[in-house]
Amino acid sequence: MGGMTPRRENRTGPGPALSTTSIGLLLLAAAGAVLVGLVGSWMFYGDLPPVKVSGSVAMWVFAALAVVLAVVVKHRVEDGRIGQDSSQLSPVFVARCAVLGMATAWIGAVVGGLYGGVTIYVLLRHSDLLAAQQDTPGAVTCLVAGAAMAASGVWLERSCLVPPGGADPVNGTGDVLLTP
């Protein structure tokens, strides 16, 4: 690397470490997606397919899955039932849940933001366009589903945190995401 020394981060344990998703960055991404959705709707609304309530079904499924996994993982972590025994929840599964939570949060923020832009457009044109009136329920439902998906993803990710003292019983290091 030509005279440069690699920078190392201080971590609490061996292996790769994950950091929690920043709520501020999620909101920033959502705000950017709102702008893209609004400008895209303004320019291409006549060419877009109708926005249906059924378009939100997949987002509601992922939000519900994240909530169920968050409840299960949180209870197992609180009870100390994470480990390699057959009666315990696998640490690899918990780490995968954390990654699923991150992905769910980001996708929910971006897709919800895009539908937020569409929602703003159809509400502004609601009295002028019949299509906007017909698209309003679908746009609002998809916006809410995206927000629910983002919130449940953040909750799932936060549910995968090891409580203080759980990462290293000898040193009692703080909250870290479980990693394989």
N, C-alpha and C. Protein backbone atom coordinates (compact mmCIF):
# COMPACT_ATOMS: atom_id res chain seq x y z
N MET A 1 0.82 -1.19 0.00
CA MET A 1 0.00 0.00 0.00
C MET A 1 0.86 1.25 0.00
N GLY A 2 2.09 1.17 -0.34
CA GLY A 2 2.93 2.33 -0.56
C GLY A 2 3.06 3.27 0.63
N GLY A 3 3.49 2.78 1.78
CA GLY A 3 3.72 3.64 2.92
C GLY A 3 2.49 3.91 3.77
N MET A 4 1.34 3.47 3.34
CA MET A 4 0.13 3.71 4.12
C MET A 4 -0.11 2.51 5.03
N THR A 5 -0.48 2.77 6.24
CA THR A 5 -0.82 1.68 7.14
C THR A 5 -2.32 1.53 7.21
N PRO A 6 -2.81 0.30 7.20
CA PRO A 6 -4.26 0.11 7.26
C PRO A 6 -4.80 0.57 8.61
N ARG A 7 -5.95 1.16 8.58
CA ARG A 7 -6.60 1.64 9.79
C ARG A 7 -7.43 0.51 10.40
N ARG A 8 -7.28 0.31 11.67
CA ARG A 8 -8.05 -0.72 12.36
C ARG A 8 -9.05 -0.07 13.30
N GLU A 9 -10.22 -0.67 13.35
CA GLU A 9 -11.24 -0.16 14.26
C GLU A 9 -11.19 -0.95 15.56
N ASN A 10 -11.48 -0.29 16.65
CA ASN A 10 -11.58 -0.98 17.93
C ASN A 10 -12.92 -1.70 17.98
N ARG A 11 -12.87 -2.98 18.23
CA ARG A 11 -14.09 -3.77 18.32
C ARG A 11 -14.11 -4.51 19.63
N THR A 12 -15.28 -5.01 19.96
CA THR A 12 -15.43 -5.68 21.24
C THR A 12 -15.15 -7.17 21.17
N GLY A 13 -15.02 -7.73 20.00
CA GLY A 13 -14.81 -9.16 19.92
C GLY A 13 -14.22 -9.57 18.59
N PRO A 14 -13.94 -10.85 18.44
CA PRO A 14 -13.38 -11.34 17.19
C PRO A 14 -14.42 -11.37 16.09
N GLY A 15 -13.97 -11.35 14.86
CA GLY A 15 -14.87 -11.45 13.73
C GLY A 15 -15.42 -10.11 13.30
N PRO A 16 -16.18 -10.13 12.23
CA PRO A 16 -16.73 -8.87 11.73
C PRO A 16 -17.79 -8.31 12.67
N ALA A 17 -17.85 -7.01 12.76
CA ALA A 17 -18.84 -6.36 13.62
C ALA A 17 -19.81 -5.56 12.76
N LEU A 18 -21.04 -5.52 13.17
CA LEU A 18 -22.06 -4.74 12.49
C LEU A 18 -22.44 -3.57 13.37
N SER A 19 -22.70 -2.45 12.75
CA SER A 19 -23.20 -1.32 13.52
C SER A 19 -24.68 -1.16 13.20
N THR A 20 -25.40 -0.56 14.13
CA THR A 20 -26.84 -0.41 13.92
C THR A 20 -27.12 0.68 12.88
N THR A 21 -28.23 0.55 12.24
CA THR A 21 -28.64 1.50 11.22
C THR A 21 -28.98 2.83 11.85
N SER A 22 -28.49 3.89 11.25
CA SER A 22 -28.76 5.24 11.75
C SER A 22 -30.16 5.68 11.32
N ILE A 23 -30.97 6.07 12.30
CA ILE A 23 -32.32 6.56 12.02
C ILE A 23 -32.24 7.82 11.16
N GLY A 24 -31.27 8.67 11.44
CA GLY A 24 -31.10 9.90 10.66
C GLY A 24 -30.82 9.61 9.20
N LEU A 25 -29.97 8.61 8.92
CA LEU A 25 -29.69 8.26 7.53
C LEU A 25 -30.91 7.65 6.85
N LEU A 26 -31.69 6.87 7.60
CA LEU A 26 -32.93 6.33 7.03
C LEU A 26 -33.89 7.46 6.66
N LEU A 27 -34.02 8.45 7.55
CA LEU A 27 -34.90 9.59 7.25
C LEU A 27 -34.39 10.40 6.08
N LEU A 28 -33.08 10.55 5.98
CA LEU A 28 -32.49 11.27 4.86
C LEU A 28 -32.75 10.53 3.54
N ALA A 29 -32.58 9.22 3.56
CA ALA A 29 -32.86 8.42 2.37
C ALA A 29 -34.33 8.51 1.99
N ALA A 30 -35.21 8.47 2.99
CA ALA A 30 -36.64 8.58 2.72
C ALA A 30 -36.98 9.94 2.13
N ALA A 31 -36.37 11.01 2.66
CA ALA A 31 -36.63 12.35 2.15
C ALA A 31 -36.15 12.48 0.70
N GLY A 32 -34.99 11.91 0.41
CA GLY A 32 -34.50 11.92 -0.98
C GLY A 32 -35.42 11.15 -1.90
N ALA A 33 -35.93 10.01 -1.41
CA ALA A 33 -36.85 9.21 -2.22
C ALA A 33 -38.17 9.94 -2.42
N VAL A 34 -38.62 10.72 -1.43
CA VAL A 34 -39.83 11.52 -1.60
C VAL A 34 -39.64 12.51 -2.76
N LEU A 35 -38.49 13.16 -2.79
CA LEU A 35 -38.22 14.10 -3.89
C LEU A 35 -38.20 13.41 -5.24
N VAL A 36 -37.56 12.24 -5.30
CA VAL A 36 -37.52 11.49 -6.56
C VAL A 36 -38.93 11.07 -6.96
N GLY A 37 -39.72 10.58 -6.01
CA GLY A 37 -41.09 10.16 -6.30
C GLY A 37 -41.96 11.31 -6.75
N LEU A 38 -41.79 12.47 -6.12
CA LEU A 38 -42.59 13.64 -6.49
C LEU A 38 -42.22 14.15 -7.87
N VAL A 39 -40.94 14.29 -8.14
CA VAL A 39 -40.50 14.77 -9.46
C VAL A 39 -40.86 13.76 -10.54
N GLY A 40 -40.65 12.47 -10.23
CA GLY A 40 -41.02 11.43 -11.20
C GLY A 40 -42.51 11.42 -11.50
N SER A 41 -43.32 11.60 -10.48
CA SER A 41 -44.77 11.66 -10.69
C SER A 41 -45.15 12.90 -11.48
N TRP A 42 -44.53 14.02 -11.16
CA TRP A 42 -44.82 15.27 -11.86
C TRP A 42 -44.53 15.13 -13.35
N MET A 43 -43.42 14.46 -13.68
CA MET A 43 -42.99 14.37 -15.07
C MET A 43 -43.67 13.22 -15.82
N PHE A 44 -43.91 12.10 -15.16
CA PHE A 44 -44.33 10.90 -15.87
C PHE A 44 -45.64 10.29 -15.37
N TYR A 45 -46.46 11.04 -14.66
CA TYR A 45 -47.66 10.46 -14.05
C TYR A 45 -48.56 9.78 -15.07
N GLY A 46 -48.72 10.37 -16.23
CA GLY A 46 -49.59 9.78 -17.25
C GLY A 46 -49.08 8.45 -17.78
N ASP A 47 -47.79 8.19 -17.67
CA ASP A 47 -47.20 6.96 -18.17
C ASP A 47 -47.09 5.86 -17.11
N LEU A 48 -47.34 6.22 -15.85
CA LEU A 48 -47.22 5.25 -14.76
C LEU A 48 -48.46 4.37 -14.68
N PRO A 49 -48.28 3.11 -14.27
CA PRO A 49 -49.46 2.25 -14.06
C PRO A 49 -50.24 2.73 -12.84
N PRO A 50 -51.50 2.33 -12.72
CA PRO A 50 -52.29 2.73 -11.55
C PRO A 50 -51.65 2.21 -10.25
N VAL A 51 -51.80 2.98 -9.19
CA VAL A 51 -51.28 2.59 -7.87
C VAL A 51 -52.42 1.90 -7.13
N LYS A 52 -52.25 0.63 -6.86
CA LYS A 52 -53.29 -0.17 -6.22
C LYS A 52 -52.92 -0.46 -4.77
N VAL A 53 -53.92 -0.65 -3.95
CA VAL A 53 -53.71 -1.04 -2.55
C VAL A 53 -52.99 -2.38 -2.48
N SER A 54 -53.27 -3.26 -3.42
CA SER A 54 -52.63 -4.58 -3.43
C SER A 54 -51.12 -4.50 -3.65
N GLY A 55 -50.63 -3.36 -4.12
CA GLY A 55 -49.19 -3.19 -4.28
C GLY A 55 -48.45 -3.13 -2.96
N SER A 56 -49.17 -2.96 -1.88
CA SER A 56 -48.53 -2.87 -0.57
C SER A 56 -48.44 -4.21 0.16
N VAL A 57 -49.02 -5.26 -0.41
CA VAL A 57 -49.10 -6.54 0.29
C VAL A 57 -47.72 -7.08 0.66
N ALA A 58 -46.77 -7.05 -0.27
CA ALA A 58 -45.44 -7.57 0.03
C ALA A 58 -44.78 -6.79 1.15
N MET A 59 -44.97 -5.48 1.18
CA MET A 59 -44.38 -4.67 2.25
C MET A 59 -45.00 -5.01 3.60
N TRP A 60 -46.33 -5.23 3.62
CA TRP A 60 -46.98 -5.61 4.87
C TRP A 60 -46.50 -6.98 5.35
N VAL A 61 -46.25 -7.90 4.41
CA VAL A 61 -45.75 -9.23 4.78
C VAL A 61 -44.36 -9.12 5.41
N PHE A 62 -43.48 -8.33 4.80
CA PHE A 62 -42.14 -8.16 5.36
C PHE A 62 -42.18 -7.45 6.71
N ALA A 63 -43.06 -6.47 6.84
CA ALA A 63 -43.19 -5.77 8.12
C ALA A 63 -43.67 -6.74 9.20
N ALA A 64 -44.65 -7.57 8.88
CA ALA A 64 -45.16 -8.54 9.85
C ALA A 64 -44.09 -9.58 10.19
N LEU A 65 -43.36 -10.05 9.20
CA LEU A 65 -42.29 -11.02 9.44
C LEU A 65 -41.23 -10.42 10.36
N ALA A 66 -40.86 -9.17 10.12
CA ALA A 66 -39.86 -8.51 10.97
C ALA A 66 -40.37 -8.37 12.41
N VAL A 67 -41.64 -8.06 12.58
CA VAL A 67 -42.20 -7.94 13.93
C VAL A 67 -42.16 -9.29 14.65
N VAL A 68 -42.59 -10.34 13.97
CA VAL A 68 -42.60 -11.67 14.58
C VAL A 68 -41.17 -12.08 14.96
N LEU A 69 -40.23 -11.92 14.04
CA LEU A 69 -38.85 -12.27 14.34
C LEU A 69 -38.28 -11.43 15.48
N ALA A 70 -38.64 -10.14 15.51
CA ALA A 70 -38.15 -9.27 16.58
C ALA A 70 -38.64 -9.75 17.94
N VAL A 71 -39.90 -10.13 18.03
CA VAL A 71 -40.46 -10.61 19.30
C VAL A 71 -39.75 -11.89 19.73
N VAL A 72 -39.59 -12.83 18.80
CA VAL A 72 -38.95 -14.11 19.13
C VAL A 72 -37.50 -13.90 19.56
N VAL A 73 -36.75 -13.15 18.76
CA VAL A 73 -35.32 -12.95 19.07
C VAL A 73 -35.15 -12.17 20.36
N LYS A 74 -35.95 -11.12 20.54
CA LYS A 74 -35.82 -10.30 21.75
C LYS A 74 -36.06 -11.13 23.01
N HIS A 75 -37.09 -11.98 22.99
CA HIS A 75 -37.36 -12.82 24.15
C HIS A 75 -36.22 -13.82 24.39
N ARG A 76 -35.70 -14.39 23.33
CA ARG A 76 -34.60 -15.35 23.48
C ARG A 76 -33.34 -14.67 24.01
N VAL A 77 -33.04 -13.47 23.50
CA VAL A 77 -31.86 -12.74 23.98
C VAL A 77 -32.04 -12.37 25.45
N GLU A 78 -33.21 -11.87 25.82
CA GLU A 78 -33.47 -11.49 27.22
C GLU A 78 -33.39 -12.68 28.17
N ASP A 79 -33.81 -13.85 27.68
CA ASP A 79 -33.78 -15.06 28.52
C ASP A 79 -32.41 -15.75 28.49
N GLY A 80 -31.50 -15.24 27.68
CA GLY A 80 -30.17 -15.86 27.57
C GLY A 80 -30.19 -17.18 26.85
N ARG A 81 -31.14 -17.35 25.94
CA ARG A 81 -31.26 -18.62 25.22
C ARG A 81 -30.73 -18.50 23.79
N ILE A 82 -29.52 -17.95 23.67
CA ILE A 82 -28.82 -17.88 22.40
C ILE A 82 -27.56 -18.72 22.54
N GLY A 83 -27.38 -19.65 21.64
CA GLY A 83 -26.19 -20.50 21.73
C GLY A 83 -26.25 -21.64 20.75
N GLN A 84 -25.39 -22.62 20.97
CA GLN A 84 -25.25 -23.74 20.04
C GLN A 84 -26.08 -24.96 20.44
N ASP A 85 -26.69 -24.94 21.61
CA ASP A 85 -27.50 -26.06 22.06
C ASP A 85 -28.77 -26.13 21.21
N SER A 86 -29.34 -27.34 21.10
CA SER A 86 -30.54 -27.50 20.26
C SER A 86 -31.75 -26.77 20.84
N SER A 87 -31.74 -26.46 22.12
CA SER A 87 -32.86 -25.74 22.72
C SER A 87 -32.68 -24.22 22.64
N GLN A 88 -31.55 -23.78 22.09
CA GLN A 88 -31.25 -22.36 21.99
C GLN A 88 -31.37 -21.87 20.56
N LEU A 89 -31.48 -20.58 20.42
CA LEU A 89 -31.52 -19.95 19.10
C LEU A 89 -30.09 -19.75 18.63
N SER A 90 -29.81 -20.14 17.42
CA SER A 90 -28.45 -20.06 16.87
C SER A 90 -27.98 -18.62 16.74
N PRO A 91 -26.75 -18.32 17.13
CA PRO A 91 -26.22 -16.97 16.94
C PRO A 91 -26.16 -16.57 15.47
N VAL A 92 -25.95 -17.55 14.60
CA VAL A 92 -25.94 -17.26 13.16
C VAL A 92 -27.32 -16.81 12.70
N PHE A 93 -28.36 -17.47 13.21
CA PHE A 93 -29.73 -17.07 12.87
C PHE A 93 -30.01 -15.65 13.35
N VAL A 94 -29.55 -15.33 14.55
CA VAL A 94 -29.76 -13.98 15.09
C VAL A 94 -29.02 -12.95 14.25
N ALA A 95 -27.80 -13.28 13.82
CA ALA A 95 -27.05 -12.36 12.96
C ALA A 95 -27.76 -12.17 11.62
N ARG A 96 -28.32 -13.23 11.10
CA ARG A 96 -29.06 -13.11 9.84
C ARG A 96 -30.33 -12.27 10.04
N CYS A 97 -30.94 -12.40 11.18
CA CYS A 97 -32.12 -11.57 11.49
C CYS A 97 -31.72 -10.10 11.55
N ALA A 98 -30.55 -9.82 12.12
CA ALA A 98 -30.07 -8.43 12.18
C ALA A 98 -29.87 -7.87 10.77
N VAL A 99 -29.29 -8.67 9.89
CA VAL A 99 -29.09 -8.22 8.52
C VAL A 99 -30.43 -8.06 7.81
N LEU A 100 -31.36 -8.99 8.05
CA LEU A 100 -32.70 -8.85 7.47
C LEU A 100 -33.37 -7.58 7.98
N GLY A 101 -33.20 -7.27 9.25
CA GLY A 101 -33.75 -6.04 9.81
C GLY A 101 -33.18 -4.80 9.13
N MET A 102 -31.86 -4.80 8.92
CA MET A 102 -31.23 -3.67 8.22
C MET A 102 -31.80 -3.51 6.82
N ALA A 103 -31.86 -4.61 6.09
CA ALA A 103 -32.37 -4.55 4.72
C ALA A 103 -33.82 -4.11 4.69
N THR A 104 -34.62 -4.63 5.59
CA THR A 104 -36.03 -4.27 5.66
C THR A 104 -36.19 -2.78 5.96
N ALA A 105 -35.38 -2.27 6.86
CA ALA A 105 -35.45 -0.85 7.21
C ALA A 105 -35.09 0.03 6.01
N TRP A 106 -34.01 -0.30 5.33
CA TRP A 106 -33.59 0.52 4.19
C TRP A 106 -34.58 0.45 3.03
N ILE A 107 -35.04 -0.75 2.72
CA ILE A 107 -35.99 -0.89 1.61
C ILE A 107 -37.30 -0.19 1.96
N GLY A 108 -37.76 -0.35 3.19
CA GLY A 108 -38.99 0.32 3.61
C GLY A 108 -38.86 1.83 3.53
N ALA A 109 -37.72 2.38 3.94
CA ALA A 109 -37.52 3.83 3.91
C ALA A 109 -37.51 4.35 2.47
N VAL A 110 -36.82 3.66 1.60
CA VAL A 110 -36.72 4.13 0.20
C VAL A 110 -38.04 3.95 -0.54
N VAL A 111 -38.63 2.77 -0.46
CA VAL A 111 -39.89 2.53 -1.17
C VAL A 111 -41.01 3.36 -0.57
N GLY A 112 -41.05 3.45 0.76
CA GLY A 112 -42.04 4.31 1.40
C GLY A 112 -41.86 5.77 0.99
N GLY A 113 -40.62 6.21 0.88
CA GLY A 113 -40.34 7.56 0.42
C GLY A 113 -40.81 7.80 -1.01
N LEU A 114 -40.55 6.84 -1.89
CA LEU A 114 -41.02 6.98 -3.27
C LEU A 114 -42.54 7.11 -3.32
N TYR A 115 -43.21 6.25 -2.56
CA TYR A 115 -44.68 6.36 -2.51
C TYR A 115 -45.13 7.62 -1.80
N GLY A 116 -44.30 8.14 -0.90
CA GLY A 116 -44.60 9.43 -0.28
C GLY A 116 -44.65 10.54 -1.32
N GLY A 117 -43.70 10.52 -2.25
CA GLY A 117 -43.70 11.50 -3.35
C GLY A 117 -44.93 11.35 -4.23
N VAL A 118 -45.28 10.11 -4.54
CA VAL A 118 -46.48 9.86 -5.34
C VAL A 118 -47.72 10.33 -4.59
N THR A 119 -47.76 10.07 -3.27
CA THR A 119 -48.90 10.50 -2.45
C THR A 119 -49.06 12.01 -2.46
N ILE A 120 -47.96 12.73 -2.33
CA ILE A 120 -48.03 14.19 -2.38
C ILE A 120 -48.59 14.64 -3.72
N TYR A 121 -48.12 14.04 -4.80
CA TYR A 121 -48.59 14.43 -6.12
C TYR A 121 -50.08 14.16 -6.29
N VAL A 122 -50.53 12.95 -5.91
CA VAL A 122 -51.95 12.63 -6.13
C VAL A 122 -52.84 13.47 -5.22
N LEU A 123 -52.35 13.83 -4.04
CA LEU A 123 -53.16 14.70 -3.17
C LEU A 123 -53.23 16.12 -3.74
N LEU A 124 -52.15 16.58 -4.34
CA LEU A 124 -52.17 17.91 -4.97
C LEU A 124 -53.07 17.95 -6.20
N ARG A 125 -53.17 16.84 -6.91
CA ARG A 125 -53.97 16.78 -8.14
C ARG A 125 -55.31 16.08 -7.93
N HIS A 126 -55.66 15.82 -6.69
CA HIS A 126 -56.86 15.04 -6.36
C HIS A 126 -58.13 15.65 -6.95
N SER A 127 -58.27 16.96 -6.91
CA SER A 127 -59.50 17.58 -7.40
C SER A 127 -59.50 17.73 -8.92
N ASP A 128 -58.34 17.65 -9.56
CA ASP A 128 -58.24 17.85 -11.01
C ASP A 128 -58.30 16.57 -11.83
N LEU A 129 -57.75 15.49 -11.30
CA LEU A 129 -57.60 14.26 -12.07
C LEU A 129 -58.36 13.10 -11.45
N LEU A 130 -59.14 12.42 -12.25
CA LEU A 130 -59.84 11.23 -11.79
C LEU A 130 -58.84 10.14 -11.44
N ALA A 131 -57.77 10.03 -12.23
CA ALA A 131 -56.74 9.02 -11.95
C ALA A 131 -56.09 9.26 -10.59
N ALA A 132 -55.87 10.52 -10.23
CA ALA A 132 -55.28 10.84 -8.93
C ALA A 132 -56.23 10.44 -7.81
N GLN A 133 -57.53 10.63 -8.01
CA GLN A 133 -58.51 10.21 -7.01
C GLN A 133 -58.49 8.70 -6.84
N GLN A 134 -58.35 7.99 -7.94
CA GLN A 134 -58.33 6.52 -7.88
C GLN A 134 -57.03 5.98 -7.30
N ASP A 135 -55.92 6.72 -7.49
CA ASP A 135 -54.62 6.27 -6.99
C ASP A 135 -54.37 6.63 -5.53
N THR A 136 -55.16 7.53 -4.97
CA THR A 136 -54.90 8.00 -3.61
C THR A 136 -54.90 6.88 -2.57
N PRO A 137 -55.90 5.99 -2.53
CA PRO A 137 -55.87 4.94 -1.50
C PRO A 137 -54.64 4.04 -1.63
N GLY A 138 -54.27 3.67 -2.84
CA GLY A 138 -53.10 2.82 -3.04
C GLY A 138 -51.81 3.51 -2.65
N ALA A 139 -51.68 4.79 -3.01
CA ALA A 139 -50.47 5.53 -2.69
C ALA A 139 -50.32 5.71 -1.18
N VAL A 140 -51.40 6.04 -0.51
CA VAL A 140 -51.33 6.23 0.94
C VAL A 140 -51.03 4.90 1.64
N THR A 141 -51.68 3.83 1.19
CA THR A 141 -51.44 2.51 1.79
C THR A 141 -50.00 2.07 1.59
N CYS A 142 -49.45 2.29 0.41
CA CYS A 142 -48.05 1.92 0.15
C CYS A 142 -47.09 2.78 0.96
N LEU A 143 -47.42 4.05 1.13
CA LEU A 143 -46.60 4.93 1.98
C LEU A 143 -46.57 4.42 3.42
N VAL A 144 -47.73 4.10 3.95
CA VAL A 144 -47.82 3.61 5.33
C VAL A 144 -47.13 2.25 5.47
N ALA A 145 -47.29 1.40 4.47
CA ALA A 145 -46.64 0.08 4.51
C ALA A 145 -45.12 0.23 4.47
N GLY A 146 -44.61 1.16 3.69
CA GLY A 146 -43.17 1.40 3.66
C GLY A 146 -42.66 1.90 5.01
N ALA A 147 -43.42 2.80 5.63
CA ALA A 147 -43.03 3.29 6.96
C ALA A 147 -43.07 2.17 7.99
N ALA A 148 -44.09 1.32 7.91
CA ALA A 148 -44.19 0.18 8.84
C ALA A 148 -43.04 -0.79 8.62
N MET A 149 -42.68 -0.98 7.37
CA MET A 149 -41.57 -1.86 7.05
C MET A 149 -40.26 -1.31 7.60
N ALA A 150 -40.03 -0.02 7.45
CA ALA A 150 -38.82 0.60 7.97
C ALA A 150 -38.77 0.51 9.49
N ALA A 151 -39.87 0.82 10.14
CA ALA A 151 -39.90 0.78 11.62
C ALA A 151 -39.71 -0.64 12.14
N SER A 152 -40.36 -1.61 11.53
CA SER A 152 -40.23 -2.99 12.00
C SER A 152 -38.83 -3.52 11.73
N GLY A 153 -38.22 -3.08 10.63
CA GLY A 153 -36.84 -3.49 10.35
C GLY A 153 -35.87 -2.95 11.38
N VAL A 154 -36.05 -1.70 11.77
CA VAL A 154 -35.20 -1.12 12.82
C VAL A 154 -35.41 -1.86 14.13
N TRP A 155 -36.66 -2.17 14.46
CA TRP A 155 -36.94 -2.88 15.70
C TRP A 155 -36.30 -4.27 15.69
N LEU A 156 -36.41 -4.98 14.55
CA LEU A 156 -35.79 -6.30 14.45
C LEU A 156 -34.29 -6.20 14.63
N GLU A 157 -33.68 -5.23 13.98
CA GLU A 157 -32.23 -5.06 14.11
C GLU A 157 -31.84 -4.79 15.55
N ARG A 158 -32.57 -3.91 16.22
CA ARG A 158 -32.26 -3.57 17.61
C ARG A 158 -32.55 -4.74 18.56
N SER A 159 -33.44 -5.63 18.17
CA SER A 159 -33.75 -6.80 19.00
C SER A 159 -32.62 -7.82 18.98
N CYS A 160 -31.72 -7.70 18.02
CA CYS A 160 -30.61 -8.64 17.90
C CYS A 160 -29.37 -8.18 18.66
N LEU A 161 -29.50 -7.14 19.48
CA LEU A 161 -28.37 -6.66 20.27
C LEU A 161 -28.16 -7.54 21.49
N VAL A 162 -26.91 -7.78 21.80
CA VAL A 162 -26.56 -8.51 23.01
C VAL A 162 -26.62 -7.51 24.15
N PRO A 163 -27.24 -7.87 25.28
CA PRO A 163 -27.31 -6.92 26.40
C PRO A 163 -25.92 -6.64 26.97
N PRO A 164 -25.76 -5.52 27.69
CA PRO A 164 -24.46 -5.21 28.28
C PRO A 164 -23.94 -6.36 29.12
N GLY A 165 -22.68 -6.69 28.90
CA GLY A 165 -22.08 -7.79 29.63
C GLY A 165 -22.26 -9.13 28.95
N GLY A 166 -23.10 -9.17 27.92
CA GLY A 166 -23.35 -10.44 27.25
C GLY A 166 -22.35 -10.76 26.17
N ALA A 167 -21.66 -9.76 25.65
CA ALA A 167 -20.72 -10.00 24.56
C ALA A 167 -19.44 -10.63 25.08
N ASP A 168 -18.96 -10.18 26.22
CA ASP A 168 -17.73 -10.69 26.79
C ASP A 168 -17.92 -10.77 28.30
N PRO A 169 -18.22 -11.96 28.82
CA PRO A 169 -18.53 -12.08 30.23
C PRO A 169 -17.35 -11.68 31.14
N VAL A 170 -16.12 -11.80 30.63
CA VAL A 170 -14.96 -11.47 31.44
C VAL A 170 -14.82 -9.96 31.58
N ASN A 171 -14.87 -9.24 30.44
CA ASN A 171 -14.68 -7.79 30.44
C ASN A 171 -15.97 -7.01 30.55
N GLY A 172 -17.11 -7.64 30.26
CA GLY A 172 -18.40 -6.95 30.35
C GLY A 172 -18.54 -5.84 29.33
N THR A 173 -18.15 -6.11 28.09
CA THR A 173 -18.27 -5.08 27.05
C THR A 173 -19.70 -4.83 26.71
N GLY A 174 -19.99 -3.69 26.07
CA GLY A 174 -21.35 -3.21 25.85
C GLY A 174 -22.10 -3.88 24.73
N ASP A 175 -23.17 -3.19 24.29
CA ASP A 175 -24.07 -3.69 23.26
C ASP A 175 -23.35 -3.89 21.94
N VAL A 176 -23.48 -5.05 21.37
CA VAL A 176 -22.98 -5.34 20.03
C VAL A 176 -24.00 -6.23 19.35
N LEU A 177 -24.01 -6.18 18.03
CA LEU A 177 -24.86 -7.10 17.30
C LEU A 177 -24.21 -8.47 17.33
N LEU A 178 -25.01 -9.49 17.47
CA LEU A 178 -24.48 -10.85 17.40
C LEU A 178 -23.98 -11.10 15.99
N THR A 179 -22.79 -11.62 15.85
CA THR A 179 -22.24 -11.93 14.54
C THR A 179 -21.69 -13.33 14.57
N PRO A 180 -21.69 -14.00 13.41
CA PRO A 180 -21.17 -15.37 13.39
C PRO A 180 -19.68 -15.40 13.58
